[in-house]
């Protein structure tokens, strides 16, 4: 692993692949290996009924500090996503990023 992967923070996010609903951040950890281990822990503890309903976990690199409260981390992540989306919309211009003739 690279030095960045060892030092970076990762969020474990719970989401539903059927409904596209996000349950938000469930944990913030330091290092890719720790994140992958934490992800496996959540998957192993997950009930088959929960999995059948479509709930899954995935990792995302983050600027959040490891150990951040999951509720706070979810709010901060959502605000960051909205900010990026707003910026992308503004950068697209009046044509929505399309081509003018």
PDB file of N, CA and C in Angstrom:
ATOM      1  N   UNK A   1       0.832  -1.182   0.000  1.00  0.00           N
ATOM      2  CA  UNK A   1       0.000   0.000   0.000  1.00  0.00           C
ATOM      3  C   UNK A   1       0.877   1.245   0.000  1.00  0.00           C
ATOM      4  N   UNK A   2       0.345   2.261  -0.605  1.00  0.00           N
ATOM      5  CA  UNK A   2       1.085   3.520  -0.648  1.00  0.00           C
ATOM      6  C   UNK A   2       0.974   4.221   0.709  1.00  0.00           C
ATOM      7  N   UNK A   3       1.856   5.168   0.927  1.00  0.00           N
ATOM      8  CA  UNK A   3       1.844   5.947   2.159  1.00  0.00           C
ATOM      9  C   UNK A   3       0.509   6.679   2.310  1.00  0.00           C
ATOM     10  N   UNK A   4      -0.031   7.163   1.190  1.00  0.00           N
ATOM     11  CA  UNK A   4      -1.314   7.863   1.216  1.00  0.00           C
ATOM     12  C   UNK A   4      -2.431   6.930   1.689  1.00  0.00           C
ATOM     13  N   UNK A   5      -2.432   5.680   1.204  1.00  0.00           N
ATOM     14  CA  UNK A   5      -3.468   4.722   1.600  1.00  0.00           C
ATOM     15  C   UNK A   5      -3.364   4.365   3.080  1.00  0.00           C
ATOM     16  N   UNK A   6      -2.161   4.434   3.628  1.00  0.00           N
ATOM     17  CA  UNK A   6      -1.963   4.129   5.041  1.00  0.00           C
ATOM     18  C   UNK A   6      -2.433   5.267   5.945  1.00  0.00           C
ATOM     19  N   UNK A   7      -2.288   6.503   5.466  1.00  0.00           N
ATOM     20  CA  UNK A   7      -2.605   7.673   6.289  1.00  0.00           C
ATOM     21  C   UNK A   7      -3.995   8.257   6.040  1.00  0.00           C
ATOM     22  N   UNK A   8      -4.554   7.990   4.884  1.00  0.00           N
ATOM     23  CA  UNK A   8      -5.841   8.588   4.507  1.00  0.00           C
ATOM     24  C   UNK A   8      -6.979   8.035   5.364  1.00  0.00           C
ATOM     25  N   UNK A   9      -8.029   8.835   5.479  1.00  0.00           N
ATOM     26  CA  UNK A   9      -9.251   8.397   6.152  1.00  0.00           C
ATOM     27  C   UNK A   9     -10.226   7.865   5.109  1.00  0.00           C
ATOM     28  N   UNK A  10     -11.012   6.907   5.541  1.00  0.00           N
ATOM     29  CA  UNK A  10     -12.040   6.317   4.683  1.00  0.00           C
ATOM     30  C   UNK A  10     -13.340   6.247   5.465  1.00  0.00           C
ATOM     31  N   UNK A  11     -14.448   6.462   4.763  1.00  0.00           N
ATOM     32  CA  UNK A  11     -15.752   6.298   5.383  1.00  0.00           C
ATOM     33  C   UNK A  11     -16.369   5.005   4.856  1.00  0.00           C
ATOM     34  N   UNK A  12     -17.039   4.295   5.760  1.00  0.00           N
ATOM     35  CA  UNK A  12     -17.820   3.129   5.377  1.00  0.00           C
ATOM     36  C   UNK A  12     -19.258   3.620   5.289  1.00  0.00           C
ATOM     37  N   UNK A  13     -19.858   3.445   4.133  1.00  0.00           N
ATOM     38  CA  UNK A  13     -21.198   3.955   3.882  1.00  0.00           C
ATOM     39  C   UNK A  13     -22.151   2.790   3.636  1.00  0.00           C
ATOM     40  N   UNK A  14     -23.342   2.900   4.225  1.00  0.00           N
ATOM     41  CA  UNK A  14     -24.383   1.893   4.037  1.00  0.00           C
ATOM     42  C   UNK A  14     -25.412   2.461   3.061  1.00  0.00           C
ATOM     43  N   UNK A  15     -25.741   1.671   2.059  1.00  0.00           N
ATOM     44  CA  UNK A  15     -26.732   2.127   1.078  1.00  0.00           C
ATOM     45  C   UNK A  15     -27.527   0.934   0.564  1.00  0.00           C
ATOM     46  N   UNK A  16     -28.654   1.235  -0.046  1.00  0.00           N
ATOM     47  CA  UNK A  16     -29.510   0.181  -0.566  1.00  0.00           C
ATOM     48  C   UNK A  16     -29.411   0.171  -2.084  1.00  0.00           C
ATOM     49  N   UNK A  17     -28.988  -0.976  -2.635  1.00  0.00           N
ATOM     50  CA  UNK A  17     -28.793  -1.079  -4.080  1.00  0.00           C
ATOM     51  C   UNK A  17     -30.122  -1.206  -4.827  1.00  0.00           C
ATOM     52  N   UNK A  18     -31.193  -1.500  -4.126  1.00  0.00           N
ATOM     53  CA  UNK A  18     -32.512  -1.605  -4.771  1.00  0.00           C
ATOM     54  C   UNK A  18     -33.238  -0.266  -4.831  1.00  0.00           C
ATOM     55  N   UNK A  19     -33.171   0.486  -3.738  1.00  0.00           N
ATOM     56  CA  UNK A  19     -33.928   1.738  -3.642  1.00  0.00           C
ATOM     57  C   UNK A  19     -33.055   2.974  -3.812  1.00  0.00           C
ATOM     58  N   UNK A  20     -31.743   2.787  -3.854  1.00  0.00           N
ATOM     59  CA  UNK A  20     -30.766   3.878  -3.933  1.00  0.00           C
ATOM     60  C   UNK A  20     -30.791   4.765  -2.690  1.00  0.00           C
ATOM     61  N   UNK A  21     -31.393   4.288  -1.631  1.00  0.00           N
ATOM     62  CA  UNK A  21     -31.439   5.020  -0.362  1.00  0.00           C
ATOM     63  C   UNK A  21     -30.093   4.891   0.332  1.00  0.00           C
ATOM     64  N   UNK A  22     -29.628   5.975   0.908  1.00  0.00           N
ATOM     65  CA  UNK A  22     -28.398   5.943   1.682  1.00  0.00           C
ATOM     66  C   UNK A  22     -28.742   5.981   3.165  1.00  0.00           C
ATOM     67  N   UNK A  23     -28.088   5.130   3.922  1.00  0.00           N
ATOM     68  CA  UNK A  23     -28.241   5.169   5.375  1.00  0.00           C
ATOM     69  C   UNK A  23     -27.089   5.959   5.981  1.00  0.00           C
ATOM     70  N   UNK A  24     -26.215   6.487   5.135  1.00  0.00           N
ATOM     71  CA  UNK A  24     -25.144   7.353   5.586  1.00  0.00           C
ATOM     72  C   UNK A  24     -23.886   6.631   6.016  1.00  0.00           C
ATOM     73  N   UNK A  25     -23.026   7.406   6.640  1.00  0.00           N
ATOM     74  CA  UNK A  25     -21.742   6.913   7.118  1.00  0.00           C
ATOM     75  C   UNK A  25     -21.966   6.080   8.386  1.00  0.00           C
ATOM     76  N   UNK A  26     -21.352   4.906   8.427  1.00  0.00           N
ATOM     77  CA  UNK A  26     -21.464   4.078   9.630  1.00  0.00           C
ATOM     78  C   UNK A  26     -20.173   4.087  10.448  1.00  0.00           C
ATOM     79  N   UNK A  27     -19.061   4.450   9.801  1.00  0.00           N
ATOM     80  CA  UNK A  27     -17.797   4.550  10.534  1.00  0.00           C
ATOM     81  C   UNK A  27     -16.763   5.283   9.688  1.00  0.00           C
ATOM     82  N   UNK A  28     -15.868   6.016  10.375  1.00  0.00           N
ATOM     83  CA  UNK A  28     -14.745   6.688   9.723  1.00  0.00           C
ATOM     84  C   UNK A  28     -13.477   6.082  10.314  1.00  0.00           C
ATOM     85  N   UNK A  29     -12.614   5.547   9.439  1.00  0.00           N
ATOM     86  CA  UNK A  29     -11.398   4.877   9.909  1.00  0.00           C
ATOM     87  C   UNK A  29     -10.178   5.400   9.158  1.00  0.00           C
ATOM     88  N   UNK A  30      -9.025   5.189   9.765  1.00  0.00           N
ATOM     89  CA  UNK A  30      -7.762   5.617   9.159  1.00  0.00           C
ATOM     90  C   UNK A  30      -7.102   4.429   8.482  1.00  0.00           C
ATOM     91  N   UNK A  31      -6.685   4.623   7.247  1.00  0.00           N
ATOM     92  CA  UNK A  31      -5.933   3.616   6.512  1.00  0.00           C
ATOM     93  C   UNK A  31      -6.811   2.676   5.712  1.00  0.00           C
ATOM     94  N   UNK A  32      -6.367   2.382   4.510  1.00  0.00           N
ATOM     95  CA  UNK A  32      -7.123   1.522   3.592  1.00  0.00           C
ATOM     96  C   UNK A  32      -7.319   0.117   4.170  1.00  0.00           C
ATOM     97  N   UNK A  33      -6.284  -0.462   4.759  1.00  0.00           N
ATOM     98  CA  UNK A  33      -6.400  -1.813   5.310  1.00  0.00           C
ATOM     99  C   UNK A  33      -7.429  -1.852   6.440  1.00  0.00           C
ATOM    100  N   UNK A  34      -7.401  -0.859   7.328  1.00  0.00           N
ATOM    101  CA  UNK A  34      -8.390  -0.793   8.406  1.00  0.00           C
ATOM    102  C   UNK A  34      -9.794  -0.627   7.833  1.00  0.00           C
ATOM    103  N   UNK A  35      -9.917   0.178   6.793  1.00  0.00           N
ATOM    104  CA  UNK A  35     -11.221   0.411   6.171  1.00  0.00           C
ATOM    105  C   UNK A  35     -11.763  -0.878   5.565  1.00  0.00           C
ATOM    106  N   UNK A  36     -10.913  -1.604   4.878  1.00  0.00           N
ATOM    107  CA  UNK A  36     -11.343  -2.864   4.267  1.00  0.00           C
ATOM    108  C   UNK A  36     -11.729  -3.888   5.337  1.00  0.00           C
ATOM    109  N   UNK A  37     -10.975  -3.926   6.417  1.00  0.00           N
ATOM    110  CA  UNK A  37     -11.287  -4.821   7.531  1.00  0.00           C
ATOM    111  C   UNK A  37     -12.624  -4.455   8.178  1.00  0.00           C
ATOM    112  N   UNK A  38     -12.850  -3.164   8.366  1.00  0.00           N
ATOM    113  CA  UNK A  38     -14.106  -2.682   8.949  1.00  0.00           C
ATOM    114  C   UNK A  38     -15.279  -3.001   8.030  1.00  0.00           C
ATOM    115  N   UNK A  39     -15.082  -2.815   6.743  1.00  0.00           N
ATOM    116  CA  UNK A  39     -16.117  -3.138   5.765  1.00  0.00           C
ATOM    117  C   UNK A  39     -16.497  -4.615   5.854  1.00  0.00           C
ATOM    118  N   UNK A  40     -15.498  -5.482   5.908  1.00  0.00           N
ATOM    119  CA  UNK A  40     -15.738  -6.934   6.033  1.00  0.00           C
ATOM    120  C   UNK A  40     -16.486  -7.252   7.320  1.00  0.00           C
ATOM    121  N   UNK A  41     -16.144  -6.545   8.409  1.00  0.00           N
ATOM    122  CA  UNK A  41     -16.820  -6.763   9.688  1.00  0.00           C
ATOM    123  C   UNK A  41     -18.309  -6.466   9.558  1.00  0.00           C
ATOM    124  N   UNK A  42     -18.639  -5.337   8.944  1.00  0.00           N
ATOM    125  CA  UNK A  42     -20.045  -4.986   8.759  1.00  0.00           C
ATOM    126  C   UNK A  42     -20.758  -6.012   7.885  1.00  0.00           C
ATOM    127  N   UNK A  43     -20.095  -6.446   6.816  1.00  0.00           N
ATOM    128  CA  UNK A  43     -20.697  -7.440   5.919  1.00  0.00           C
ATOM    129  C   UNK A  43     -20.917  -8.770   6.634  1.00  0.00           C
ATOM    130  N   UNK A  44     -19.950  -9.178   7.450  1.00  0.00           N
ATOM    131  CA  UNK A  44     -20.065 -10.456   8.170  1.00  0.00           C
ATOM    132  C   UNK A  44     -21.144 -10.431   9.244  1.00  0.00           C
ATOM    133  N   UNK A  45     -21.370  -9.256   9.847  1.00  0.00           N
ATOM    134  CA  UNK A  45     -22.374  -9.125  10.907  1.00  0.00           C
ATOM    135  C   UNK A  45     -23.775  -8.873  10.356  1.00  0.00           C
ATOM    136  N   UNK A  46     -23.862  -8.611   9.065  1.00  0.00           N
ATOM    137  CA  UNK A  46     -25.135  -8.287   8.436  1.00  0.00           C
ATOM    138  C   UNK A  46     -26.012  -9.544   8.323  1.00  0.00           C
ATOM    139  N   UNK A  47     -27.290  -9.400   8.640  1.00  0.00           N
ATOM    140  CA  UNK A  47     -28.210 -10.532   8.529  1.00  0.00           C
ATOM    141  C   UNK A  47     -28.509 -10.807   7.056  1.00  0.00           C
ATOM    142  N   UNK A  48     -28.875 -12.037   6.760  1.00  0.00           N
ATOM    143  CA  UNK A  48     -29.197 -12.381   5.374  1.00  0.00           C
ATOM    144  C   UNK A  48     -30.446 -11.633   4.917  1.00  0.00           C
ATOM    145  N   UNK A  49     -31.384 -11.389   5.816  1.00  0.00           N
ATOM    146  CA  UNK A  49     -32.602 -10.649   5.469  1.00  0.00           C
ATOM    147  C   UNK A  49     -32.256  -9.213   5.081  1.00  0.00           C
ATOM    148  N   UNK A  50     -31.352  -8.595   5.841  1.00  0.00           N
ATOM    149  CA  UNK A  50     -30.916  -7.232   5.564  1.00  0.00           C
ATOM    150  C   UNK A  50     -30.256  -7.167   4.185  1.00  0.00           C
ATOM    151  N   UNK A  51     -29.401  -8.123   3.913  1.00  0.00           N
ATOM    152  CA  UNK A  51     -28.711  -8.177   2.616  1.00  0.00           C
ATOM    153  C   UNK A  51     -29.719  -8.422   1.491  1.00  0.00           C
ATOM    154  N   UNK A  52     -30.678  -9.304   1.738  1.00  0.00           N
ATOM    155  CA  UNK A  52     -31.699  -9.606   0.733  1.00  0.00           C
ATOM    156  C   UNK A  52     -32.520  -8.359   0.393  1.00  0.00           C
ATOM    157  N   UNK A  53     -32.727  -7.482   1.382  1.00  0.00           N
ATOM    158  CA  UNK A  53     -33.467  -6.240   1.155  1.00  0.00           C
ATOM    159  C   UNK A  53     -32.671  -5.239   0.321  1.00  0.00           C
ATOM    160  N   UNK A  54     -31.394  -5.520   0.097  1.00  0.00           N
ATOM    161  CA  UNK A  54     -30.578  -4.673  -0.778  1.00  0.00           C
ATOM    162  C   UNK A  54     -29.534  -3.834  -0.083  1.00  0.00           C
ATOM    163  N   UNK A  55     -29.370  -3.977   1.231  1.00  0.00           N
ATOM    164  CA  UNK A  55     -28.407  -3.141   1.953  1.00  0.00           C
ATOM    165  C   UNK A  55     -26.991  -3.647   1.746  1.00  0.00           C
ATOM    166  N   UNK A  56     -26.104  -2.725   1.379  1.00  0.00           N
ATOM    167  CA  UNK A  56     -24.700  -3.026   1.141  1.00  0.00           C
ATOM    168  C   UNK A  56     -23.846  -1.931   1.773  1.00  0.00           C
ATOM    169  N   UNK A  57     -22.536  -2.183   1.801  1.00  0.00           N
ATOM    170  CA  UNK A  57     -21.565  -1.233   2.338  1.00  0.00           C
ATOM    171  C   UNK A  57     -20.514  -0.971   1.274  1.00  0.00           C
ATOM    172  N   UNK A  58     -19.995   0.252   1.252  1.00  0.00           N
ATOM    173  CA  UNK A  58     -18.864   0.560   0.381  1.00  0.00           C
ATOM    174  C   UNK A  58     -17.963   1.575   1.055  1.00  0.00           C
ATOM    175  N   UNK A  59     -16.735   1.667   0.542  1.00  0.00           N
ATOM    176  CA  UNK A  59     -15.727   2.582   1.081  1.00  0.00           C
ATOM    177  C   UNK A  59     -15.612   3.805   0.195  1.00  0.00           C
ATOM    178  N   UNK A  60     -15.278   4.912   0.836  1.00  0.00           N
ATOM    179  CA  UNK A  60     -15.024   6.150   0.108  1.00  0.00           C
ATOM    180  C   UNK A  60     -13.915   6.889   0.838  1.00  0.00           C
ATOM    181  N   UNK A  61     -12.908   7.314   0.096  1.00  0.00           N
ATOM    182  CA  UNK A  61     -11.830   8.109   0.689  1.00  0.00           C
ATOM    183  C   UNK A  61     -12.418   9.434   1.165  1.00  0.00           C
ATOM    184  N   UNK A  62     -11.915   9.931   2.282  1.00  0.00           N
ATOM    185  CA  UNK A  62     -12.519  11.107   2.885  1.00  0.00           C
ATOM    186  C   UNK A  62     -11.480  12.006   3.535  1.00  0.00           C
ATOM    187  N   UNK A  63     -11.863  13.251   3.734  1.00  0.00           N
ATOM    188  CA  UNK A  63     -11.019  14.194   4.474  1.00  0.00           C
ATOM    189  C   UNK A  63     -11.418  14.232   5.944  1.00  0.00           C
ATOM    190  N   UNK A  64     -12.463  13.488   6.309  1.00  0.00           N
ATOM    191  CA  UNK A  64     -12.921  13.461   7.695  1.00  0.00           C
ATOM    192  C   UNK A  64     -11.899  12.751   8.578  1.00  0.00           C
ATOM    193  N   UNK A  65     -11.861  13.138   9.821  1.00  0.00           N
ATOM    194  CA  UNK A  65     -10.929  12.555  10.777  1.00  0.00           C
ATOM    195  C   UNK A  65     -11.466  11.200  11.260  1.00  0.00           C
ATOM    196  N   UNK A  66     -10.584  10.208  11.322  1.00  0.00           N
ATOM    197  CA  UNK A  66     -10.964   8.888  11.828  1.00  0.00           C
ATOM    198  C   UNK A  66     -11.568   9.039  13.216  1.00  0.00           C
ATOM    199  N   UNK A  67     -12.660   8.320  13.453  1.00  0.00           N
ATOM    200  CA  UNK A  67     -13.322   8.386  14.738  1.00  0.00           C
ATOM    201  C   UNK A  67     -14.441   9.406  14.805  1.00  0.00           C
ATOM    202  N   UNK A  68     -14.634  10.176  13.730  1.00  0.00           N
ATOM    203  CA  UNK A  68     -15.719  11.150  13.702  1.00  0.00           C
ATOM    204  C   UNK A  68     -17.047  10.427  13.915  1.00  0.00           C
ATOM    205  N   UNK A  69     -17.924  11.036  14.703  1.00  0.00           N
ATOM    206  CA  UNK A  69     -19.243  10.473  14.949  1.00  0.00           C
ATOM    207  C   UNK A  69     -19.949  10.219  13.611  1.00  0.00           C
ATOM    208  N   UNK A  70     -20.532   9.031  13.408  1.00  0.00           N
ATOM    209  CA  UNK A  70     -21.179   8.714  12.129  1.00  0.00           C
ATOM    210  C   UNK A  70     -22.269   9.708  11.701  1.00  0.00           C
ATOM    211  N   UNK A  71     -23.075  10.189  12.639  1.00  0.00           N
ATOM    212  CA  UNK A  71     -24.125  11.150  12.294  1.00  0.00           C
ATOM    213  C   UNK A  71     -23.514  12.451  11.791  1.00  0.00           C
ATOM    214  N   UNK A  72     -22.506  12.926  12.506  1.00  0.00           N
ATOM    215  CA  UNK A  72     -21.813  14.150  12.084  1.00  0.00           C
ATOM    216  C   UNK A  72     -21.120  13.926  10.744  1.00  0.00           C
ATOM    217  N   UNK A  73     -20.482  12.768  10.581  1.00  0.00           N
ATOM    218  CA  UNK A  73     -19.786  12.450   9.332  1.00  0.00           C
ATOM    219  C   UNK A  73     -20.767  12.416   8.158  1.00  0.00           C
ATOM    220  N   UNK A  74     -21.961  11.870   8.384  1.00  0.00           N
ATOM    221  CA  UNK A  74     -22.975  11.826   7.338  1.00  0.00           C
ATOM    222  C   UNK A  74     -23.380  13.233   6.929  1.00  0.00           C
ATOM    223  N   UNK A  75     -23.604  14.100   7.911  1.00  0.00           N
ATOM    224  CA  UNK A  75     -23.996  15.486   7.629  1.00  0.00           C
ATOM    225  C   UNK A  75     -22.897  16.230   6.870  1.00  0.00           C
ATOM    226  N   UNK A  76     -21.653  16.060   7.303  1.00  0.00           N
ATOM    227  CA  UNK A  76     -20.530  16.731   6.642  1.00  0.00           C
ATOM    228  C   UNK A  76     -20.350  16.218   5.217  1.00  0.00           C
ATOM    229  N   UNK A  77     -20.472  14.903   5.041  1.00  0.00           N
ATOM    230  CA  UNK A  77     -20.340  14.305   3.710  1.00  0.00           C
ATOM    231  C   UNK A  77     -21.449  14.815   2.795  1.00  0.00           C
ATOM    232  N   UNK A  78     -22.678  14.878   3.293  1.00  0.00           N
ATOM    233  CA  UNK A  78     -23.800  15.358   2.490  1.00  0.00           C
ATOM    234  C   UNK A  78     -23.588  16.810   2.074  1.00  0.00           C
ATOM    235  N   UNK A  79     -23.132  17.633   3.001  1.00  0.00           N
ATOM    236  CA  UNK A  79     -22.868  19.041   2.679  1.00  0.00           C
ATOM    237  C   UNK A  79     -21.789  19.152   1.600  1.00  0.00           C
ATOM    238  N   UNK A  80     -20.754  18.317   1.688  1.00  0.00           N
ATOM    239  CA  UNK A  80     -19.680  18.331   0.687  1.00  0.00           C
ATOM    240  C   UNK A  80     -20.213  17.898  -0.678  1.00  0.00           C
ATOM    241  N   UNK A  81     -21.054  16.856  -0.697  1.00  0.00           N
ATOM    242  CA  UNK A  81     -21.630  16.391  -1.960  1.00  0.00           C
ATOM    243  C   UNK A  81     -22.500  17.479  -2.598  1.00  0.00           C
ATOM    244  N   UNK A  82     -23.302  18.150  -1.778  1.00  0.00           N
ATOM    245  CA  UNK A  82     -24.163  19.221  -2.295  1.00  0.00           C
ATOM    246  C   UNK A  82     -23.338  20.379  -2.828  1.00  0.00           C
ATOM    247  N   UNK A  83     -22.249  20.696  -2.145  1.00  0.00           N
ATOM    248  CA  UNK A  83     -21.373  21.770  -2.592  1.00  0.00           C
ATOM    249  C   UNK A  83     -20.740  21.426  -3.941  1.00  0.00           C
ATOM    250  N   UNK A  84     -20.267  20.187  -4.077  1.00  0.00           N
ATOM    251  CA  UNK A  84     -19.668  19.756  -5.342  1.00  0.00           C
ATOM    252  C   UNK A  84     -20.700  19.771  -6.470  1.00  0.00           C
ATOM    253  N   UNK A  85     -21.920  19.316  -6.160  1.00  0.00           N
ATOM    254  CA  UNK A  85     -22.980  19.291  -7.163  1.00  0.00           C
ATOM    255  C   UNK A  85     -23.346  20.707  -7.598  1.00  0.00           C
ATOM    256  N   UNK A  86     -23.432  21.626  -6.644  1.00  0.00           N
ATOM    257  CA  UNK A  86     -23.745  23.011  -6.947  1.00  0.00           C
ATOM    258  C   UNK A  86     -22.661  23.631  -7.821  1.00  0.00           C
ATOM    259  N   UNK A  87     -21.415  23.360  -7.487  1.00  0.00           N
ATOM    260  CA  UNK A  87     -20.293  23.887  -8.270  1.00  0.00           C
ATOM    261  C   UNK A  87     -20.318  23.316  -9.686  1.00  0.00           C
ATOM    262  N   UNK A  88     -20.595  22.019  -9.807  1.00  0.00           N
ATOM    263  CA  UNK A  88     -20.650  21.391 -11.128  1.00  0.00           C
ATOM    264  C   UNK A  88     -21.774  21.996 -11.965  1.00  0.00           C
ATOM    265  N   UNK A  89     -22.903  22.282 -11.336  1.00  0.00           N
ATOM    266  CA  UNK A  89     -24.029  22.892 -12.034  1.00  0.00           C
ATOM    267  C   UNK A  89     -23.657  24.295 -12.504  1.00  0.00           C
ATOM    268  N   UNK A  90     -22.974  25.057 -11.655  1.00  0.00           N
ATOM    269  CA  UNK A  90     -22.548  26.417 -12.024  1.00  0.00           C
ATOM    270  C   UNK A  90     -21.511  26.370 -13.148  1.00  0.00           C
ATOM    271  N   UNK A  91     -20.583  25.417 -13.071  1.00  0.00           N
ATOM    272  CA  UNK A  91     -19.539  25.289 -14.085  1.00  0.00           C
ATOM    273  C   UNK A  91     -20.109  24.875 -15.434  1.00  0.00           C
ATOM    274  N   UNK A  92     -21.264  24.199 -15.415  1.00  0.00           N
ATOM    275  CA  UNK A  92     -21.878  23.739 -16.654  1.00  0.00           C
ATOM    276  C   UNK A  92     -22.432  24.898 -17.472  1.00  0.00           C
ATOM    277  N   UNK A  93     -22.727  25.990 -16.817  1.00  0.00           N
ATOM    278  CA  UNK A  93     -23.212  27.180 -17.527  1.00  0.00           C
ATOM    279  C   UNK A  93     -24.682  27.085 -17.877  1.00  0.00           C
ATOM    280  N   UNK A  94     -25.166  28.078 -18.633  1.00  0.00           N
ATOM    281  CA  UNK A  94     -26.598  28.168 -18.931  1.00  0.00           C
ATOM    282  C   UNK A  94     -27.112  27.033 -19.807  1.00  0.00           C
ATOM    283  N   UNK A  95     -26.236  26.398 -20.579  1.00  0.00           N
ATOM    284  CA  UNK A  95     -26.662  25.304 -21.454  1.00  0.00           C
ATOM    285  C   UNK A  95     -26.590  23.959 -20.733  1.00  0.00           C
ATOM    286  N   UNK A  96     -26.297  23.966 -19.449  1.00  0.00           N
ATOM    287  CA  UNK A  96     -26.215  22.717 -18.710  1.00  0.00           C
ATOM    288  C   UNK A  96     -25.059  21.851 -19.160  1.00  0.00           C
ATOM    289  N   UNK A  97     -24.037  22.467 -19.686  1.00  0.00           N
ATOM    290  CA  UNK A  97     -22.871  21.703 -20.119  1.00  0.00           C
ATOM    291  C   UNK A  97     -23.004  21.170 -21.533  1.00  0.00           C
ATOM    292  N   UNK A  98     -24.144  21.471 -22.167  1.00  0.00           N
ATOM    293  CA  UNK A  98     -24.362  20.988 -23.517  1.00  0.00           C
ATOM    294  C   UNK A  98     -23.619  21.827 -24.535  1.00  0.00           C
ATOM    295  N   UNK A  99     -23.730  21.423 -25.783  1.00  0.00           N
ATOM    296  CA  UNK A  99     -23.057  22.142 -26.854  1.00  0.00           C
ATOM    297  C   UNK A  99     -24.041  23.131 -27.489  1.00  0.00           C
ATOM    298  N   UNK A 100     -23.559  24.298 -27.820  1.00  0.00           N
ATOM    299  CA  UNK A 100     -24.418  25.255 -28.519  1.00  0.00           C
ATOM    300  C   UNK A 100     -24.121  25.187 -29.997  1.00  0.00           C
ATOM    301  N   UNK A 101     -25.119  25.525 -30.797  1.00  0.00           N
ATOM    302  CA  UNK A 101     -24.946  25.443 -32.244  1.00  0.00           C
ATOM    303  C   UNK A 101     -24.751  26.795 -32.845  1.00  0.00           C
TER     304      UNK A 101
END
